[in-house]
């Protein structure tokens, strides 16, 4: 799992290249491409993009459940 503080998937190519000789699955979490046109606190920003603890937990559960 890769949690990025910027656009989701930005570093996934580099990580996949580093792991290319190993069987792996990669979940890249980060800011979505949709511009929310909202401003708030950093906690608001994380929650809106699913990067708060609850959002990350939900993404991990969905990813692991699909294994």
Protein backbone atom coordinates (compact mmCIF):
# COMPACT_ATOMS: atom_id res chain seq x y z
CA UNK A 1 0.00 0.00 0.00
CA UNK A 2 1.27 3.43 -0.94
CA UNK A 3 -0.32 6.53 0.60
CA UNK A 4 0.78 9.65 -1.22
CA UNK A 5 0.14 13.20 0.02
CA UNK A 6 -0.42 14.27 -3.59
CA UNK A 7 -2.14 12.89 -6.69
CA UNK A 8 -2.92 9.18 -6.35
CA UNK A 9 -0.66 7.00 -8.46
CA UNK A 10 2.13 9.55 -8.86
CA UNK A 11 4.76 7.21 -7.44
CA UNK A 12 3.18 3.88 -8.38
CA UNK A 13 5.32 3.45 -11.50
CA UNK A 14 8.54 3.85 -9.54
CA UNK A 15 7.37 1.45 -6.84
CA UNK A 16 6.21 -1.12 -9.40
CA UNK A 17 9.57 -0.89 -11.18
CA UNK A 18 11.38 -1.47 -7.89
CA UNK A 19 9.26 -4.57 -7.24
CA UNK A 20 9.14 -5.87 -10.80
CA UNK A 21 10.99 -9.10 -9.92
CA UNK A 22 8.61 -9.85 -7.05
CA UNK A 23 4.98 -10.88 -7.16
CA UNK A 24 3.08 -7.96 -5.71
CA UNK A 25 -0.13 -5.99 -5.67
CA UNK A 26 -0.07 -2.25 -5.19
CA UNK A 27 -2.77 -0.02 -3.79
CA UNK A 28 -2.00 3.66 -4.42
CA UNK A 29 -3.97 6.12 -2.35
CA UNK A 30 -3.74 9.87 -2.70
CA UNK A 31 -5.58 12.98 -3.75
CA UNK A 32 -8.19 12.30 -6.43
CA UNK A 33 -8.13 14.12 -9.75
CA UNK A 34 -11.52 15.73 -9.12
CA UNK A 35 -11.11 19.34 -8.02
CA UNK A 36 -13.35 19.70 -4.98
CA UNK A 37 -13.50 23.52 -5.10
CA UNK A 38 -13.57 23.49 -1.31
CA UNK A 39 -11.09 24.72 1.18
CA UNK A 40 -10.86 23.78 4.80
CA UNK A 41 -8.42 22.47 7.31
CA UNK A 42 -5.82 19.84 6.44
CA UNK A 43 -8.02 17.31 8.28
CA UNK A 44 -10.98 18.29 6.07
CA UNK A 45 -8.82 17.87 2.97
CA UNK A 46 -7.69 14.39 4.07
CA UNK A 47 -11.26 13.33 4.85
CA UNK A 48 -12.65 14.62 1.54
CA UNK A 49 -10.04 12.59 -0.35
CA UNK A 50 -10.43 9.45 1.78
CA UNK A 51 -6.98 9.91 3.29
CA UNK A 52 -8.08 10.16 6.92
CA UNK A 53 -7.75 7.04 9.10
CA UNK A 54 -11.32 5.90 8.39
CA UNK A 55 -10.93 6.38 4.63
CA UNK A 56 -7.58 4.60 4.47
CA UNK A 57 -8.98 1.75 6.58
CA UNK A 58 -11.95 1.40 4.21
CA UNK A 59 -9.67 1.36 1.15
CA UNK A 60 -7.38 -1.25 2.71
CA UNK A 61 -10.33 -3.45 3.69
CA UNK A 62 -11.73 -3.30 0.16
CA UNK A 63 -8.30 -4.03 -1.34
CA UNK A 64 -7.51 -6.96 0.97
CA UNK A 65 -11.02 -8.30 0.53
CA UNK A 66 -10.46 -8.50 -3.22
CA UNK A 67 -7.38 -10.73 -2.85
